[in-house]
Amino acid sequence: MKCEYNDGLKIDYSGSLTVRKGNEIRGVFARKDSIPAEFKDVLDKAARNNNCAEIRTIVQEITRTECGKVCLH
C-alpha cells in the first residue's frame, strides 16, 4: 500500500517499508523480516483497511523509538 500526504511524506508498505519526505535523500527502509512483529501486525491491519492515517501514526511511532531508524534495515 502506498500513501502520500500533503506535507510531502510518502510511505510504501508492500511487505517491506519505505518512508521518505519530499525530495530528501535520507529516509527509512525496512525489509519485511526486520519489522518488529508488534508493528508489523498493526501495519498489516491498517493496509488491509486502506487506512493511510493509521499507517502514518504507526510509522511515526516506529521512527520515533530509540531503535527505529537504527535497528530497521
PDB file of N, CA and C in Angstrom:
ATOM      1  N   MET A   1       0.845  -1.168   0.000  1.00  0.00           N
ATOM      2  CA  MET A   1       0.000   0.000   0.000  1.00  0.00           C
ATOM      3  C   MET A   1       0.894   1.236   0.000  1.00  0.00           C
ATOM      4  N   LYS A   2       0.557   2.181  -0.845  1.00  0.00           N
ATOM      5  CA  LYS A   2       1.307   3.437  -0.918  1.00  0.00           C
ATOM      6  C   LYS A   2       0.415   4.567  -0.426  1.00  0.00           C
ATOM      7  N   CYS A   3       0.990   5.423   0.408  1.00  0.00           N
ATOM      8  CA  CYS A   3       0.266   6.581   0.928  1.00  0.00           C
ATOM      9  C   CYS A   3       1.127   7.826   0.718  1.00  0.00           C
ATOM     10  N   GLU A   4       0.512   8.888   0.240  1.00  0.00           N
ATOM     11  CA  GLU A   4       1.182  10.181   0.107  1.00  0.00           C
ATOM     12  C   GLU A   4       0.364  11.210   0.868  1.00  0.00           C
ATOM     13  N   TYR A   5       1.056  12.091   1.562  1.00  0.00           N
ATOM     14  CA  TYR A   5       0.401  13.078   2.423  1.00  0.00           C
ATOM     15  C   TYR A   5       0.732  14.487   1.946  1.00  0.00           C
ATOM     16  N   ASN A   6      -0.087  15.440   2.352  1.00  0.00           N
ATOM     17  CA  ASN A   6       0.056  16.828   1.906  1.00  0.00           C
ATOM     18  C   ASN A   6       1.397  17.459   2.287  1.00  0.00           C
ATOM     19  N   ASP A   7       2.022  16.969   3.361  1.00  0.00           N
ATOM     20  CA  ASP A   7       3.295  17.559   3.791  1.00  0.00           C
ATOM     21  C   ASP A   7       4.509  16.937   3.086  1.00  0.00           C
ATOM     22  N   GLY A   8       4.273  16.087   2.078  1.00  0.00           N
ATOM     23  CA  GLY A   8       5.356  15.504   1.299  1.00  0.00           C
ATOM     24  C   GLY A   8       5.802  14.136   1.768  1.00  0.00           C
ATOM     25  N   LEU A   9       5.255  13.642   2.873  1.00  0.00           N
ATOM     26  CA  LEU A   9       5.613  12.322   3.374  1.00  0.00           C
ATOM     27  C   LEU A   9       5.046  11.251   2.452  1.00  0.00           C
ATOM     28  N   LYS A  10       5.886  10.264   2.118  1.00  0.00           N
ATOM     29  CA  LYS A  10       5.456   9.144   1.284  1.00  0.00           C
ATOM     30  C   LYS A  10       5.808   7.851   2.003  1.00  0.00           C
ATOM     31  N   ILE A  11       4.829   6.982   2.133  1.00  0.00           N
ATOM     32  CA  ILE A  11       5.021   5.693   2.788  1.00  0.00           C
ATOM     33  C   ILE A  11       4.607   4.608   1.809  1.00  0.00           C
ATOM     34  N   ASP A  12       5.485   3.643   1.640  1.00  0.00           N
ATOM     35  CA  ASP A  12       5.178   2.484   0.810  1.00  0.00           C
ATOM     36  C   ASP A  12       5.325   1.260   1.699  1.00  0.00           C
ATOM     37  N   TYR A  13       4.214   0.624   1.985  1.00  0.00           N
ATOM     38  CA  TYR A  13       4.247  -0.601   2.782  1.00  0.00           C
ATOM     39  C   TYR A  13       3.694  -1.729   1.926  1.00  0.00           C
ATOM     40  N   SER A  14       4.608  -2.438   1.311  1.00  0.00           N
ATOM     41  CA  SER A  14       4.253  -3.576   0.457  1.00  0.00           C
ATOM     42  C   SER A  14       5.040  -4.779   0.949  1.00  0.00           C
ATOM     43  N   GLY A  15       4.888  -5.074   2.227  1.00  0.00           N
ATOM     44  CA  GLY A  15       5.709  -6.100   2.870  1.00  0.00           C
ATOM     45  C   GLY A  15       6.908  -5.448   3.509  1.00  0.00           C
ATOM     46  N   SER A  16       7.762  -4.840   2.690  1.00  0.00           N
ATOM     47  CA  SER A  16       8.838  -4.000   3.205  1.00  0.00           C
ATOM     48  C   SER A  16       8.260  -2.607   3.426  1.00  0.00           C
ATOM     49  N   LEU A  17       8.999  -1.783   4.127  1.00  0.00           N
ATOM     50  CA  LEU A  17       8.515  -0.446   4.465  1.00  0.00           C
ATOM     51  C   LEU A  17       9.520   0.592   3.991  1.00  0.00           C
ATOM     52  N   THR A  18       9.047   1.563   3.210  1.00  0.00           N
ATOM     53  CA  THR A  18       9.882   2.669   2.752  1.00  0.00           C
ATOM     54  C   THR A  18       9.188   3.967   3.152  1.00  0.00           C
ATOM     55  N   VAL A  19       9.947   4.863   3.785  1.00  0.00           N
ATOM     56  CA  VAL A  19       9.400   6.146   4.224  1.00  0.00           C
ATOM     57  C   VAL A  19      10.337   7.241   3.730  1.00  0.00           C
ATOM     58  N   ARG A  20       9.790   8.216   3.035  1.00  0.00           N
ATOM     59  CA  ARG A  20      10.568   9.366   2.545  1.00  0.00           C
ATOM     60  C   ARG A  20       9.723  10.619   2.710  1.00  0.00           C
ATOM     61  N   LYS A  21      10.385  11.747   2.796  1.00  0.00           N
ATOM     62  CA  LYS A  21       9.670  13.012   2.884  1.00  0.00           C
ATOM     63  C   LYS A  21      10.175  13.933   1.795  1.00  0.00           C
ATOM     64  N   GLY A  22       9.269  14.325   0.901  1.00  0.00           N
ATOM     65  CA  GLY A  22       9.616  15.239  -0.179  1.00  0.00           C
ATOM     66  C   GLY A  22      10.778  14.731  -0.998  1.00  0.00           C
ATOM     67  N   ASN A  23      11.737  15.614  -1.258  1.00  0.00           N
ATOM     68  CA  ASN A  23      12.904  15.255  -2.052  1.00  0.00           C
ATOM     69  C   ASN A  23      14.124  14.928  -1.199  1.00  0.00           C
ATOM     70  N   GLU A  24      13.910  14.731   0.108  1.00  0.00           N
ATOM     71  CA  GLU A  24      15.030  14.422   0.988  1.00  0.00           C
ATOM     72  C   GLU A  24      15.692  13.123   0.558  1.00  0.00           C
ATOM     73  N   ILE A  25      16.979  13.086   0.631  1.00  0.00           N
ATOM     74  CA  ILE A  25      17.726  11.899   0.262  1.00  0.00           C
ATOM     75  C   ILE A  25      17.565  10.819   1.318  1.00  0.00           C
ATOM     76  N   ARG A  26      17.626  11.216   2.570  1.00  0.00           N
ATOM     77  CA  ARG A  26      17.518  10.211   3.624  1.00  0.00           C
ATOM     78  C   ARG A  26      16.081   9.754   3.797  1.00  0.00           C
ATOM     79  N   GLY A  27      15.936   8.591   4.280  1.00  0.00           N
ATOM     80  CA  GLY A  27      14.628   8.028   4.509  1.00  0.00           C
ATOM     81  C   GLY A  27      14.787   6.761   5.330  1.00  0.00           C
ATOM     82  N   VAL A  28      13.731   6.019   5.461  1.00  0.00           N
ATOM     83  CA  VAL A  28      13.769   4.778   6.222  1.00  0.00           C
ATOM     84  C   VAL A  28      13.382   3.647   5.287  1.00  0.00           C
ATOM     85  N   PHE A  29      14.162   2.584   5.307  1.00  0.00           N
ATOM     86  CA  PHE A  29      13.792   1.385   4.571  1.00  0.00           C
ATOM     87  C   PHE A  29      13.923   0.217   5.522  1.00  0.00           C
ATOM     88  N   ALA A  30      12.893  -0.594   5.614  1.00  0.00           N
ATOM     89  CA  ALA A  30      12.927  -1.779   6.470  1.00  0.00           C
ATOM     90  C   ALA A  30      12.449  -2.974   5.671  1.00  0.00           C
ATOM     91  N   ARG A  31      13.297  -4.003   5.621  1.00  0.00           N
ATOM     92  CA  ARG A  31      12.860  -5.245   4.986  1.00  0.00           C
ATOM     93  C   ARG A  31      11.743  -5.862   5.812  1.00  0.00           C
ATOM     94  N   LYS A  32      10.934  -6.642   5.157  1.00  0.00           N
ATOM     95  CA  LYS A  32       9.787  -7.268   5.815  1.00  0.00           C
ATOM     96  C   LYS A  32      10.193  -8.022   7.077  1.00  0.00           C
ATOM     97  N   ASP A  33      11.303  -8.729   7.035  1.00  0.00           N
ATOM     98  CA  ASP A  33      11.714  -9.549   8.171  1.00  0.00           C
ATOM     99  C   ASP A  33      12.383  -8.759   9.296  1.00  0.00           C
ATOM    100  N   SER A  34      12.613  -7.458   9.109  1.00  0.00           N
ATOM    101  CA  SER A  34      13.246  -6.670  10.169  1.00  0.00           C
ATOM    102  C   SER A  34      12.256  -5.776  10.913  1.00  0.00           C
ATOM    103  N   ILE A  35      10.993  -5.790  10.505  1.00  0.00           N
ATOM    104  CA  ILE A  35       9.979  -5.004  11.203  1.00  0.00           C
ATOM    105  C   ILE A  35       9.519  -5.812  12.410  1.00  0.00           C
ATOM    106  N   PRO A  36       9.585  -5.224  13.614  1.00  0.00           N
ATOM    107  CA  PRO A  36       9.143  -5.958  14.807  1.00  0.00           C
ATOM    108  C   PRO A  36       7.689  -6.425  14.654  1.00  0.00           C
ATOM    109  N   ALA A  37       7.407  -7.622  15.162  1.00  0.00           N
ATOM    110  CA  ALA A  37       6.097  -8.260  14.982  1.00  0.00           C
ATOM    111  C   ALA A  37       4.943  -7.379  15.452  1.00  0.00           C
ATOM    112  N   GLU A  38       5.123  -6.681  16.580  1.00  0.00           N
ATOM    113  CA  GLU A  38       4.016  -5.861  17.094  1.00  0.00           C
ATOM    114  C   GLU A  38       3.670  -4.721  16.132  1.00  0.00           C
ATOM    115  N   PHE A  39       4.662  -4.174  15.433  1.00  0.00           N
ATOM    116  CA  PHE A  39       4.399  -3.131  14.446  1.00  0.00           C
ATOM    117  C   PHE A  39       3.873  -3.738  13.151  1.00  0.00           C
ATOM    118  N   LYS A  40       4.438  -4.866  12.747  1.00  0.00           N
ATOM    119  CA  LYS A  40       4.036  -5.500  11.501  1.00  0.00           C
ATOM    120  C   LYS A  40       2.559  -5.887  11.519  1.00  0.00           C
ATOM    121  N   ASP A  41       2.094  -6.438  12.629  1.00  0.00           N
ATOM    122  CA  ASP A  41       0.689  -6.824  12.745  1.00  0.00           C
ATOM    123  C   ASP A  41      -0.238  -5.627  12.565  1.00  0.00           C
ATOM    124  N   VAL A  42       0.112  -4.511  13.191  1.00  0.00           N
ATOM    125  CA  VAL A  42      -0.727  -3.306  13.105  1.00  0.00           C
ATOM    126  C   VAL A  42      -0.646  -2.695  11.707  1.00  0.00           C
ATOM    127  N   LEU A  43       0.552  -2.698  11.112  1.00  0.00           N
ATOM    128  CA  LEU A  43       0.699  -2.200   9.743  1.00  0.00           C
ATOM    129  C   LEU A  43      -0.116  -3.041   8.765  1.00  0.00           C
ATOM    130  N   ASP A  44      -0.065  -4.366   8.925  1.00  0.00           N
ATOM    131  CA  ASP A  44      -0.840  -5.251   8.050  1.00  0.00           C
ATOM    132  C   ASP A  44      -2.331  -4.962   8.156  1.00  0.00           C
ATOM    133  N   LYS A  45      -2.808  -4.771   9.375  1.00  0.00           N
ATOM    134  CA  LYS A  45      -4.228  -4.487   9.586  1.00  0.00           C
ATOM    135  C   LYS A  45      -4.618  -3.158   8.933  1.00  0.00           C
ATOM    136  N   ALA A  46      -3.795  -2.128   9.122  1.00  0.00           N
ATOM    137  CA  ALA A  46      -4.082  -0.818   8.526  1.00  0.00           C
ATOM    138  C   ALA A  46      -4.061  -0.909   7.004  1.00  0.00           C
ATOM    139  N   ALA A  47      -3.133  -1.682   6.442  1.00  0.00           N
ATOM    140  CA  ALA A  47      -3.060  -1.837   4.987  1.00  0.00           C
ATOM    141  C   ALA A  47      -4.297  -2.568   4.461  1.00  0.00           C
ATOM    142  N   ARG A  48      -4.733  -3.604   5.174  1.00  0.00           N
ATOM    143  CA  ARG A  48      -5.948  -4.324   4.757  1.00  0.00           C
ATOM    144  C   ARG A  48      -7.165  -3.403   4.749  1.00  0.00           C
ATOM    145  N   ASN A  49      -7.178  -2.434   5.675  1.00  0.00           N
ATOM    146  CA  ASN A  49      -8.298  -1.490   5.779  1.00  0.00           C
ATOM    147  C   ASN A  49      -8.093  -0.234   4.934  1.00  0.00           C
ATOM    148  N   ASN A  50      -6.999  -0.178   4.157  1.00  0.00           N
ATOM    149  CA  ASN A  50      -6.668   1.013   3.351  1.00  0.00           C
ATOM    150  C   ASN A  50      -6.688   2.278   4.189  1.00  0.00           C
ATOM    151  N   ASN A  51      -6.082   2.220   5.367  1.00  0.00           N
ATOM    152  CA  ASN A  51      -6.117   3.327   6.307  1.00  0.00           C
ATOM    153  C   ASN A  51      -4.755   4.023   6.365  1.00  0.00           C
ATOM    154  N   CYS A  52      -4.578   5.029   5.500  1.00  0.00           N
ATOM    155  CA  CYS A  52      -3.306   5.755   5.442  1.00  0.00           C
ATOM    156  C   CYS A  52      -3.040   6.556   6.713  1.00  0.00           C
ATOM    157  N   ALA A  53      -4.073   7.042   7.377  1.00  0.00           N
ATOM    158  CA  ALA A  53      -3.883   7.796   8.618  1.00  0.00           C
ATOM    159  C   ALA A  53      -3.279   6.895   9.688  1.00  0.00           C
ATOM    160  N   GLU A  54      -3.781   5.679   9.790  1.00  0.00           N
ATOM    161  CA  GLU A  54      -3.255   4.725  10.772  1.00  0.00           C
ATOM    162  C   GLU A  54      -1.831   4.327  10.426  1.00  0.00           C
ATOM    163  N   ILE A  55      -1.546   4.110   9.157  1.00  0.00           N
ATOM    164  CA  ILE A  55      -0.191   3.747   8.741  1.00  0.00           C
ATOM    165  C   ILE A  55       0.781   4.860   9.117  1.00  0.00           C
ATOM    166  N   ARG A  56       0.397   6.097   8.901  1.00  0.00           N
ATOM    167  CA  ARG A  56       1.261   7.226   9.256  1.00  0.00           C
ATOM    168  C   ARG A  56       1.532   7.254  10.757  1.00  0.00           C
ATOM    169  N   THR A  57       0.501   7.041  11.545  1.00  0.00           N
ATOM    170  CA  THR A  57       0.663   7.037  13.003  1.00  0.00           C
ATOM    171  C   THR A  57       1.631   5.944  13.440  1.00  0.00           C
ATOM    172  N   ILE A  58       1.498   4.770  12.870  1.00  0.00           N
ATOM    173  CA  ILE A  58       2.371   3.647  13.217  1.00  0.00           C
ATOM    174  C   ILE A  58       3.810   3.940  12.807  1.00  0.00           C
ATOM    175  N   VAL A  59       3.992   4.447  11.597  1.00  0.00           N
ATOM    176  CA  VAL A  59       5.337   4.747  11.102  1.00  0.00           C
ATOM    177  C   VAL A  59       5.994   5.822  11.969  1.00  0.00           C
ATOM    178  N   GLN A  60       5.238   6.827  12.386  1.00  0.00           N
ATOM    179  CA  GLN A  60       5.806   7.857  13.256  1.00  0.00           C
ATOM    180  C   GLN A  60       6.262   7.242  14.574  1.00  0.00           C
ATOM    181  N   GLU A  61       5.494   6.292  15.081  1.00  0.00           N
ATOM    182  CA  GLU A  61       5.867   5.624  16.324  1.00  0.00           C
ATOM    183  C   GLU A  61       7.125   4.785  16.131  1.00  0.00           C
ATOM    184  N   ILE A  62       7.218   4.064  15.031  1.00  0.00           N
ATOM    185  CA  ILE A  62       8.398   3.233  14.756  1.00  0.00           C
ATOM    186  C   ILE A  62       9.647   4.100  14.660  1.00  0.00           C
ATOM    187  N   THR A  63       9.593   5.181  13.898  1.00  0.00           N
ATOM    188  CA  THR A  63      10.780   6.000  13.669  1.00  0.00           C
ATOM    189  C   THR A  63      11.109   6.890  14.858  1.00  0.00           C
ATOM    190  N   ARG A  64      10.169   7.053  15.778  1.00  0.00           N
ATOM    191  CA  ARG A  64      10.419   7.874  16.961  1.00  0.00           C
ATOM    192  C   ARG A  64      11.178   7.089  18.032  1.00  0.00           C
ATOM    193  N   THR A  65      11.044   5.779  18.035  1.00  0.00           N
ATOM    194  CA  THR A  65      11.674   4.971  19.067  1.00  0.00           C
ATOM    195  C   THR A  65      13.194   5.008  18.928  1.00  0.00           C
ATOM    196  N   GLU A  66      13.873   4.730  20.009  1.00  0.00           N
ATOM    197  CA  GLU A  66      15.338   4.752  20.017  1.00  0.00           C
ATOM    198  C   GLU A  66      15.889   3.774  18.984  1.00  0.00           C
ATOM    199  N   CYS A  67      15.218   2.652  18.831  1.00  0.00           N
ATOM    200  CA  CYS A  67      15.687   1.623  17.910  1.00  0.00           C
ATOM    201  C   CYS A  67      15.254   1.918  16.469  1.00  0.00           C
ATOM    202  N   GLY A  68      14.219   2.682  16.281  1.00  0.00           N
ATOM    203  CA  GLY A  68      13.587   2.904  14.986  1.00  0.00           C
ATOM    204  C   GLY A  68      14.491   3.011  13.795  1.00  0.00           C
ATOM    205  N   LYS A  69      15.174   4.118  13.631  1.00  0.00           N
ATOM    206  CA  LYS A  69      15.960   4.336  12.428  1.00  0.00           C
ATOM    207  C   LYS A  69      17.259   3.545  12.445  1.00  0.00           C
ATOM    208  N   VAL A  70      17.712   3.139  13.612  1.00  0.00           N
ATOM    209  CA  VAL A  70      18.965   2.415  13.709  1.00  0.00           C
ATOM    210  C   VAL A  70      18.741   0.915  13.471  1.00  0.00           C
ATOM    211  N   CYS A  71      17.703   0.364  14.050  1.00  0.00           N
ATOM    212  CA  CYS A  71      17.511  -1.092  14.029  1.00  0.00           C
ATOM    213  C   CYS A  71      16.767  -1.596  12.801  1.00  0.00           C
ATOM    214  N   LEU A  72      16.049  -0.746  12.100  1.00  0.00           N
ATOM    215  CA  LEU A  72      15.348  -1.178  10.903  1.00  0.00           C
ATOM    216  C   LEU A  72      16.323  -1.113   9.745  1.00  0.00           C
ATOM    217  N   HIS A  73      16.521  -2.233   9.080  1.00  0.00           N
ATOM    218  CA  HIS A  73      17.470  -2.303   7.961  1.00  0.00           C
ATOM    219  C   HIS A  73      16.747  -2.689   6.714  1.00  0.00           C
TER     220      HIS A  73
END
